[in-house]
Amino acid sequence: MKKVSSMLKVTLAAGASTMMAVGAMQAEEEKVKVGVLHSLSGTMAISETSLRDVLLFTFDEINSNGGVLGKQIEPVVVDGASDWPLFAEKAEQLLVQDKVAATFGCWTSVSRKSVLPVYEKYNGLLFYPVQYEGEEMSPNIFYTAEAVNQQAIPAVDFLLEEGYKKFYLIGTDYVYPQTTNLVLFEYLQSKGVPVENIGGGLRKDSAGAVISAGNYTPFGHSDFQQIVADIRKFASSGDACVINTINGDANVPFFKEFAASGLTSEDCPVVSFSLSEDEFRSLPSKDLVGHLGCWTYFMSIDSDANKKFIADFNAWLGKTNVPGIVKENRVTCSPMVLSYDGVYLWKAAVEKAGTFDPVKVMQALESGVSFDGPGGTVTSQSNHHLTKTVYIGETLENGQFSIIEEIKDVVGEPFLKGTFSK
């Protein structure tokens, strides 16, 4: 009897183990993994941690409404740590080890270019949500971000219409500011702005070709005394403005030095392409009053969709238990909304394709899917960019923007260099 009893116990234990294994497999089959690849530490954490937060909120929102094709989204979050080679390593981990169906991530163009060959090698899918310089169209990346013609060009057009005749170009020393400023250099000349009215360390090679169109500083740069003194001299004529492509926490000492010099938005307005409501939490916003931003979303948009998004995000912040998420004094901004839009465009494309297969999802995106987001309707294009609304805003003392111009249905155009003529 003891032998039979022991055998029965073994049989029951084996059966229970099998049932647990089957249950675990079924639970796993009911999920789909997606990657989140952002800098949660280092100089870019000031901007990128909020994108991690809004992505986790979006996944929870979709999961609470039934998921995607009946599956719950399981995020795999990794830290690029503001280290560009590390971004490539983390991308390979997400694709090879974690086998994610899609990745949402990167901020700087150097991080995106670091992971691009990885996504092309493994035929993965990356959604990139931050304004960038264009001149790129990878088959494995969808750029929900603002292209140059959806941010820098409209901003310059606005300043030209306002009567500004001199443009000082400053940025961080990497591909986004450098390429954007070269495009703007060509564009300003095509609009009749002479070379001597384009400031910021312009250099040409021996043949007269432009090889640098801007004054560039390293990531994390802190001493802007000489540069601001140069801007002050450049702006003494009263008809100058600054085009700012500084990224990350270096904006803090730049604007502090700018204000300390006595310069104001009335003397010399600064239009920034990497400063949003989120970064203003770390800046002396009273010193930025009147300066400009150009994005495809502002938190101040007065629409039901935007009000719901803001309310739902703050409600999620109040109840989430994810470690490291700051819950107080939170705002929303364009890169956050373009991350949010990207997840919903991916969801729409998955449902259109009827599969999570990245290749078929990319084909669905190329054929065109739309989402009515907080900044208005966004629609994917065959060139892997989006059609969306562009807004120009003036900074208020509370760190928000007063919208002063709205341009609807701007088609994303990645390739602009060499397309302008006088």
Protein backbone atom coordinates (compact mmCIF):
# COMPACT_ATOMS: atom_id res chain seq x y z
CA MET A 1 0.00 0.00 0.00
CA LYS A 2 2.85 2.32 0.84
CA LYS A 3 4.37 1.68 -2.58
CA VAL A 4 1.07 2.39 -4.34
CA SER A 5 0.59 5.53 -2.25
CA SER A 6 4.06 6.78 -3.15
CA MET A 7 3.46 6.11 -6.83
CA LEU A 8 0.16 7.97 -6.63
CA LYS A 9 1.89 10.96 -5.05
CA VAL A 10 4.51 10.98 -7.79
CA THR A 11 1.82 10.75 -10.46
CA LEU A 12 -0.21 13.57 -8.89
CA ALA A 13 2.90 15.73 -8.49
CA ALA A 14 3.87 15.13 -12.12
CA GLY A 15 0.34 15.98 -13.24
CA ALA A 16 0.32 19.18 -11.19
CA SER A 17 3.72 20.14 -12.58
CA THR A 18 2.49 19.53 -16.13
CA MET A 19 -0.63 21.62 -15.51
CA MET A 20 1.49 24.46 -14.09
CA ALA A 21 3.78 24.30 -17.12
CA VAL A 22 0.82 24.34 -19.51
CA GLY A 23 -0.70 27.23 -17.55
CA ALA A 24 2.56 29.16 -17.74
CA MET A 25 2.79 28.52 -21.49
CA GLN A 26 -0.79 29.68 -21.99
CA ALA A 27 -0.13 32.81 -19.95
CA GLU A 28 2.98 33.49 -22.03
CA GLU A 29 1.03 32.97 -25.25
CA GLU A 30 -1.49 35.57 -24.09
CA LYS A 31 1.22 38.27 -24.02
CA VAL A 32 3.23 40.12 -26.64
CA LYS A 33 6.60 41.63 -25.70
CA VAL A 34 7.53 45.16 -26.78
CA GLY A 35 10.77 47.00 -26.08
CA VAL A 36 11.32 50.35 -24.40
CA LEU A 37 14.80 51.69 -25.17
CA HIS A 38 15.57 55.05 -23.55
CA SER A 39 18.22 56.73 -21.41
CA LEU A 40 17.10 56.41 -17.80
CA SER A 41 20.47 57.70 -16.59
CA GLY A 42 23.13 60.09 -17.88
CA THR A 43 22.81 63.50 -19.53
CA MET A 44 19.73 62.61 -21.61
CA ALA A 45 17.70 61.22 -18.71
CA ILE A 46 16.25 64.73 -18.20
CA SER A 47 14.27 64.15 -21.39
CA GLU A 48 13.98 60.41 -21.89
CA THR A 49 12.62 59.15 -18.58
CA SER A 50 9.28 60.79 -19.35
CA LEU A 51 9.06 58.82 -22.59
CA ARG A 52 9.52 55.60 -20.60
CA ASP A 53 6.73 56.74 -18.29
CA VAL A 54 4.24 57.61 -21.03
CA LEU A 55 4.94 54.34 -22.85
CA LEU A 56 4.17 52.31 -19.73
CA PHE A 57 0.97 54.33 -19.29
CA THR A 58 -0.02 53.66 -22.91
CA PHE A 59 0.57 49.92 -22.61
CA ASP A 60 -1.56 49.80 -19.45
CA GLU A 61 -4.28 51.82 -21.17
CA ILE A 62 -4.38 49.44 -24.13
CA ASN A 63 -4.20 46.36 -21.89
CA SER A 64 -7.17 47.57 -19.83
CA ASN A 65 -9.16 47.77 -23.06
CA GLY A 66 -8.43 44.23 -24.20
CA GLY A 67 -4.87 44.48 -25.47
CA VAL A 68 -3.84 43.93 -29.08
CA LEU A 69 -5.30 41.00 -31.01
CA GLY A 70 -6.43 39.64 -27.65
CA LYS A 71 -2.92 39.71 -26.17
CA GLN A 72 -1.65 41.82 -23.30
CA ILE A 73 1.39 44.00 -23.93
CA GLU A 74 4.41 43.06 -21.81
CA PRO A 75 7.03 45.85 -21.84
CA VAL A 76 10.73 45.05 -21.66
CA VAL A 77 12.45 48.21 -20.41
CA VAL A 78 16.20 48.72 -20.90
CA ASP A 79 18.46 51.70 -20.12
CA GLY A 80 20.60 53.15 -22.91
CA ALA A 81 22.28 55.27 -20.21
CA SER A 82 23.13 58.12 -22.65
CA ASP A 83 25.82 55.78 -24.02
CA TRP A 84 25.45 55.37 -27.78
CA PRO A 85 27.29 52.02 -28.25
CA LEU A 86 25.28 50.66 -25.31
CA PHE A 87 22.08 51.52 -27.19
CA ALA A 88 23.14 49.08 -29.93
CA GLU A 89 23.87 46.35 -27.37
CA LYS A 90 20.49 46.85 -25.72
CA ALA A 91 18.74 46.84 -29.09
CA GLU A 92 20.29 43.47 -29.95
CA GLN A 93 19.23 42.14 -26.54
CA LEU A 94 15.63 43.21 -27.18
CA LEU A 95 15.52 41.62 -30.63
CA VAL A 96 17.53 38.43 -30.09
CA GLN A 97 17.05 37.58 -26.44
CA ASP A 98 13.67 39.13 -25.59
CA LYS A 99 12.23 38.73 -29.12
CA VAL A 100 10.12 41.88 -28.92
CA ALA A 101 7.50 42.53 -31.61
CA ALA A 102 8.39 46.23 -31.75
CA THR A 103 10.58 48.74 -29.93
CA PHE A 104 9.76 52.30 -28.91
CA GLY A 105 12.82 54.35 -28.16
CA CYS A 106 15.88 56.56 -28.69
CA TRP A 107 16.06 60.33 -28.37
CA THR A 108 19.29 61.60 -29.91
CA SER A 109 20.02 60.90 -33.55
CA VAL A 110 23.36 59.39 -32.59
CA SER A 111 21.54 56.77 -30.49
CA ARG A 112 19.13 56.10 -33.36
CA LYS A 113 21.97 55.73 -35.85
CA SER A 114 23.71 53.41 -33.41
CA VAL A 115 20.76 51.00 -33.31
CA LEU A 116 19.70 51.36 -36.96
CA PRO A 117 22.00 48.62 -38.34
CA VAL A 118 20.84 46.29 -35.55
CA TYR A 119 17.17 46.67 -36.51
CA GLU A 120 18.02 46.24 -40.18
CA LYS A 121 20.15 43.15 -39.48
CA TYR A 122 17.39 41.40 -37.53
CA ASN A 123 14.49 42.94 -39.48
CA GLY A 124 13.04 44.43 -36.33
CA LEU A 125 10.73 47.44 -35.98
CA LEU A 126 11.63 50.67 -34.16
CA PHE A 127 9.37 53.67 -33.55
CA TYR A 128 11.40 56.88 -33.14
CA PRO A 129 9.52 59.75 -31.45
CA VAL A 130 11.85 62.77 -31.27
CA GLN A 131 12.42 65.66 -33.71
CA TYR A 132 15.35 64.92 -35.98
CA GLU A 133 17.41 66.12 -38.93
CA GLY A 134 15.95 63.92 -41.69
CA GLU A 135 18.23 62.67 -44.47
CA GLU A 136 17.35 59.10 -43.48
CA MET A 137 14.66 56.54 -44.25
CA SER A 138 15.39 53.11 -42.85
CA PRO A 139 13.00 50.30 -43.86
CA ASN A 140 12.95 49.23 -40.21
CA ILE A 141 12.25 52.57 -38.52
CA PHE A 142 9.02 54.56 -38.38
CA TYR A 143 9.69 58.19 -37.59
CA THR A 144 6.74 59.52 -35.60
CA ALA A 145 9.11 62.43 -34.88
CA GLU A 146 9.00 65.89 -36.43
CA ALA A 147 11.07 66.06 -39.61
CA VAL A 148 12.88 69.33 -40.39
CA ASN A 149 9.99 70.54 -42.56
CA GLN A 150 7.61 69.95 -39.63
CA GLN A 151 9.59 71.98 -37.09
CA ALA A 152 12.70 73.94 -38.12
CA ILE A 153 11.40 75.21 -41.48
CA PRO A 154 8.02 76.43 -40.13
CA ALA A 155 9.81 78.15 -37.22
CA VAL A 156 12.21 79.97 -39.56
CA ASP A 157 9.32 80.97 -41.84
CA PHE A 158 7.53 82.45 -38.84
CA LEU A 159 10.60 84.45 -37.78
CA LEU A 160 11.14 85.72 -41.32
CA GLU A 161 7.51 86.84 -41.44
CA GLU A 162 8.04 88.62 -38.12
CA GLY A 163 10.85 90.64 -39.74
CA TYR A 164 13.97 88.98 -38.33
CA LYS A 165 16.95 89.25 -40.65
CA LYS A 166 19.83 87.63 -38.71
CA PHE A 167 19.96 84.04 -37.47
CA TYR A 168 22.45 82.69 -34.94
CA LEU A 169 22.75 78.87 -35.00
CA ILE A 170 23.75 76.99 -31.87
CA GLY A 171 23.50 73.31 -30.98
CA THR A 172 24.99 70.22 -29.40
CA ASP A 173 27.91 68.65 -31.26
CA TYR A 174 26.30 65.69 -33.01
CA VAL A 175 24.39 64.81 -36.16
CA TYR A 176 20.93 66.31 -35.44
CA PRO A 177 22.03 69.93 -34.85
CA GLN A 178 24.74 69.77 -37.51
CA THR A 179 22.49 68.45 -40.27
CA THR A 180 19.50 70.57 -39.30
CA ASN A 181 21.62 73.71 -39.36
CA LEU A 182 23.12 72.84 -42.74
CA VAL A 183 19.58 72.45 -44.12
CA LEU A 184 18.59 75.76 -42.52
CA PHE A 185 21.71 77.45 -43.91
CA GLU A 186 20.63 76.46 -47.42
CA TYR A 187 17.04 77.42 -46.71
CA LEU A 188 17.90 80.86 -45.28
CA GLN A 189 20.04 81.64 -48.31
CA SER A 190 17.18 80.59 -50.59
CA LYS A 191 15.05 83.15 -48.73
CA GLY A 192 17.58 85.91 -49.42
CA VAL A 193 19.41 85.93 -46.07
CA PRO A 194 23.09 86.75 -46.77
CA VAL A 195 25.82 84.54 -45.31
CA GLU A 196 27.06 87.34 -43.03
CA ASN A 197 23.65 87.35 -41.34
CA ILE A 198 23.94 83.67 -40.36
CA GLY A 199 25.99 83.56 -37.18
CA GLY A 200 27.40 80.95 -34.86
CA GLY A 201 30.78 79.88 -36.21
CA LEU A 202 30.01 79.31 -39.87
CA ARG A 203 32.94 77.66 -41.67
CA LYS A 204 33.60 76.75 -45.29
CA ASP A 205 36.16 74.53 -46.96
CA SER A 206 38.72 75.73 -49.53
CA ALA A 207 36.21 75.25 -52.35
CA GLY A 208 33.66 77.44 -50.59
CA ALA A 209 31.34 74.61 -49.56
CA VAL A 210 29.72 74.86 -46.15
CA ILE A 211 31.16 72.32 -43.73
CA SER A 212 29.80 73.81 -40.50
CA ALA A 213 26.79 76.01 -39.95
CA GLY A 214 26.56 76.55 -36.22
CA ASN A 215 28.31 76.87 -32.90
CA TYR A 216 28.39 73.40 -31.34
CA THR A 217 29.06 72.32 -27.76
CA PRO A 218 29.52 68.86 -26.21
CA PHE A 219 26.75 67.00 -24.41
CA GLY A 220 26.53 68.26 -20.84
CA HIS A 221 28.34 71.52 -21.66
CA SER A 222 28.03 74.11 -18.88
CA ASP A 223 30.06 77.25 -19.74
CA PHE A 224 28.17 79.43 -22.23
CA GLN A 225 29.66 82.78 -21.24
CA GLN A 226 31.65 83.31 -24.46
CA ILE A 227 28.88 82.05 -26.73
CA VAL A 228 26.26 84.28 -25.11
CA ALA A 229 28.63 87.25 -25.37
CA ASP A 230 28.93 86.47 -29.10
CA ILE A 231 25.13 86.29 -29.40
CA ARG A 232 24.78 89.61 -27.60
CA LYS A 233 27.15 91.27 -30.07
CA PHE A 234 25.41 89.58 -33.03
CA ALA A 235 22.01 90.79 -31.78
CA SER A 236 23.05 94.40 -31.16
CA SER A 237 21.43 95.44 -34.45
CA GLY A 238 18.02 94.53 -33.03
CA ASP A 239 16.88 92.22 -35.83
CA ALA A 240 18.47 88.92 -34.73
CA CYS A 241 17.18 85.64 -33.34
CA VAL A 242 18.72 82.36 -32.17
CA ILE A 243 18.01 78.89 -33.59
CA ASN A 244 18.68 76.52 -30.68
CA THR A 245 19.33 72.80 -31.21
CA ILE A 246 21.05 72.19 -27.86
CA ASN A 247 19.94 68.85 -26.43
CA GLY A 248 19.65 67.62 -22.87
CA ASP A 249 20.63 69.32 -19.62
CA ALA A 250 23.06 71.78 -21.29
CA ASN A 251 20.00 73.95 -21.96
CA VAL A 252 19.89 74.85 -18.25
CA PRO A 253 23.24 76.75 -18.13
CA PHE A 254 22.65 78.21 -21.63
CA PHE A 255 19.39 79.90 -20.71
CA LYS A 256 20.67 80.94 -17.29
CA GLU A 257 23.65 82.64 -18.95
CA PHE A 258 21.38 84.15 -21.63
CA ALA A 259 19.15 85.73 -18.95
CA ALA A 260 22.11 86.82 -16.81
CA SER A 261 23.56 88.69 -19.79
CA GLY A 262 20.49 90.89 -19.90
CA LEU A 263 19.22 89.51 -23.20
CA THR A 264 15.46 88.94 -23.44
CA SER A 265 13.01 87.53 -25.96
CA GLU A 266 12.32 91.09 -27.09
CA ASP A 267 16.02 91.75 -27.79
CA CYS A 268 16.71 88.38 -29.41
CA PRO A 269 14.11 85.59 -29.35
CA VAL A 270 15.36 82.01 -29.09
CA VAL A 271 13.42 79.28 -30.88
CA SER A 272 14.27 75.85 -29.46
CA PHE A 273 13.67 72.48 -31.09
CA SER A 274 14.62 70.23 -28.16
CA LEU A 275 12.99 72.14 -25.32
CA SER A 276 9.46 71.23 -24.37
CA GLU A 277 7.20 71.52 -21.33
CA ASP A 278 8.99 68.56 -19.76
CA GLU A 279 12.44 70.17 -19.83
CA PHE A 280 10.98 73.42 -18.45
CA ARG A 281 10.55 71.65 -15.10
CA SER A 282 14.35 71.95 -14.71
CA LEU A 283 14.68 75.45 -16.16
CA PRO A 284 14.06 78.96 -14.77
CA SER A 285 10.91 79.37 -16.88
CA LYS A 286 10.51 83.02 -15.82
CA ASP A 287 13.68 83.72 -17.82
CA LEU A 288 12.27 82.04 -20.91
CA VAL A 289 9.09 84.09 -21.25
CA GLY A 290 8.48 85.09 -24.87
CA HIS A 291 10.95 82.63 -26.37
CA LEU A 292 9.55 80.22 -28.92
CA GLY A 293 9.04 76.53 -29.54
CA CYS A 294 7.81 74.65 -32.56
CA TRP A 295 6.35 71.17 -32.15
CA THR A 296 3.48 69.00 -33.34
CA TYR A 297 1.94 69.06 -29.86
CA PHE A 298 1.65 71.45 -26.93
CA MET A 299 0.11 70.63 -23.57
CA SER A 300 -2.00 73.79 -23.92
CA ILE A 301 -3.99 72.45 -26.91
CA ASP A 302 -7.67 72.96 -26.06
CA SER A 303 -9.31 69.74 -27.29
CA ASP A 304 -11.29 66.94 -25.69
CA ALA A 305 -8.71 64.37 -26.82
CA ASN A 306 -5.86 66.29 -25.18
CA LYS A 307 -7.77 66.95 -21.95
CA LYS A 308 -8.58 63.24 -21.67
CA PHE A 309 -4.97 62.25 -22.36
CA ILE A 310 -3.62 64.58 -19.68
CA ALA A 311 -6.22 63.51 -17.12
CA ASP A 312 -5.71 59.80 -17.81
CA PHE A 313 -1.92 60.09 -17.64
CA ASN A 314 -2.06 61.88 -14.29
CA ALA A 315 -4.55 59.34 -12.95
CA TRP A 316 -2.16 56.56 -13.97
CA LEU A 317 0.75 58.33 -12.27
CA GLY A 318 -1.27 58.44 -9.08
CA LYS A 319 -1.80 54.69 -8.94
CA THR A 320 1.28 53.19 -10.64
CA ASN A 321 3.84 51.40 -8.47
CA VAL A 322 6.65 51.30 -11.05
CA PRO A 323 9.91 52.17 -9.22
CA GLY A 324 11.58 55.46 -10.06
CA ILE A 325 8.60 57.26 -11.60
CA VAL A 326 8.23 60.85 -10.42
CA LYS A 327 4.59 61.58 -9.68
CA GLU A 328 4.60 65.26 -8.80
CA ASN A 329 4.71 68.32 -11.06
CA ARG A 330 4.29 66.28 -14.25
CA VAL A 331 3.54 67.76 -17.64
CA THR A 332 3.09 66.40 -21.17
CA CYS A 333 5.08 67.32 -24.29
CA SER A 334 5.47 66.49 -27.97
CA PRO A 335 7.96 63.59 -27.70
CA MET A 336 5.68 62.02 -25.08
CA VAL A 337 2.62 62.35 -27.31
CA LEU A 338 4.50 61.09 -30.37
CA SER A 339 5.50 58.05 -28.30
CA TYR A 340 1.84 57.59 -27.33
CA ASP A 341 0.75 58.03 -30.97
CA GLY A 342 3.40 55.52 -32.10
CA VAL A 343 2.03 52.77 -29.87
CA TYR A 344 -1.50 53.32 -31.16
CA LEU A 345 -0.30 53.39 -34.78
CA TRP A 346 1.50 50.10 -34.13
CA LYS A 347 -1.69 48.67 -32.62
CA ALA A 348 -3.73 49.79 -35.63
CA ALA A 349 -1.17 48.31 -38.04
CA VAL A 350 -1.05 44.99 -36.13
CA GLU A 351 -4.83 44.76 -36.28
CA LYS A 352 -4.84 45.69 -39.96
CA ALA A 353 -2.21 43.04 -40.72
CA GLY A 354 -3.79 40.48 -38.37
CA THR A 355 -0.35 39.57 -37.02
CA PHE A 356 2.54 40.84 -34.88
CA ASP A 357 5.06 39.91 -37.60
CA PRO A 358 7.18 43.09 -37.94
CA VAL A 359 7.47 42.79 -41.74
CA LYS A 360 3.71 42.62 -42.25
CA VAL A 361 3.13 45.33 -39.64
CA MET A 362 5.55 47.61 -41.50
CA GLN A 363 3.66 46.94 -44.74
CA ALA A 364 0.41 47.92 -43.02
CA LEU A 365 2.02 51.13 -41.76
CA GLU A 366 3.30 51.93 -45.25
CA SER A 367 -0.20 51.56 -46.67
CA GLY A 368 -1.42 54.18 -44.18
CA VAL A 369 -3.04 53.96 -40.75
CA SER A 370 -4.34 56.87 -38.67
CA PHE A 371 -4.86 57.74 -35.02
CA ASP A 372 -6.71 60.69 -33.52
CA GLY A 373 -4.18 61.69 -30.89
CA PRO A 374 -3.87 64.51 -28.33
CA GLY A 375 -2.17 66.74 -30.93
CA GLY A 376 -4.65 65.93 -33.69
CA THR A 377 -4.87 63.19 -36.30
CA VAL A 378 -1.60 61.53 -37.30
CA THR A 379 -1.33 59.30 -40.38
CA SER A 380 1.54 57.02 -41.37
CA GLN A 381 3.07 57.53 -44.83
CA SER A 382 4.81 55.20 -47.26
CA ASN A 383 8.10 57.05 -46.54
CA HIS A 384 7.89 55.98 -42.85
CA HIS A 385 7.03 59.48 -41.62
CA LEU A 386 3.74 61.01 -40.47
CA THR A 387 1.32 63.64 -41.63
CA LYS A 388 0.41 65.85 -38.68
CA THR A 389 -0.34 69.36 -37.42
CA VAL A 390 2.48 71.80 -36.60
CA TYR A 391 2.19 74.36 -33.79
CA ILE A 392 4.33 77.39 -32.96
CA GLY A 393 4.16 78.52 -29.36
CA GLU A 394 5.41 81.33 -27.15
CA THR A 395 6.73 80.41 -23.70
CA LEU A 396 4.76 81.52 -20.66
CA GLU A 397 6.08 82.03 -17.13
CA ASN A 398 4.37 78.83 -15.93
CA GLY A 399 6.38 76.72 -18.39
CA GLN A 400 3.54 76.27 -20.86
CA PHE A 401 3.19 77.57 -24.42
CA SER A 402 0.67 80.00 -25.82
CA ILE A 403 -0.08 78.72 -29.33
CA ILE A 404 0.38 81.53 -31.85
CA GLU A 405 0.25 79.59 -35.11
CA GLU A 406 -1.21 76.27 -36.30
CA ILE A 407 -0.44 74.56 -39.63
CA LYS A 408 -2.56 71.53 -40.43
CA ASP A 409 -1.74 68.35 -42.36
CA VAL A 410 1.99 68.85 -42.87
CA VAL A 411 3.44 65.85 -44.71
CA GLY A 412 6.73 64.58 -43.30
CA GLU A 413 9.59 65.01 -45.79
CA PRO A 414 12.89 63.42 -44.72
CA PHE A 415 15.12 64.61 -47.57
CA LEU A 416 15.63 68.38 -47.87
CA LYS A 417 19.37 68.99 -48.32
CA GLY A 418 20.13 70.44 -51.72
CA THR A 419 16.46 71.01 -52.58
CA PHE A 420 16.40 74.77 -52.01
CA SER A 421 17.28 77.37 -54.61
CA LYS A 422 17.38 81.15 -54.42
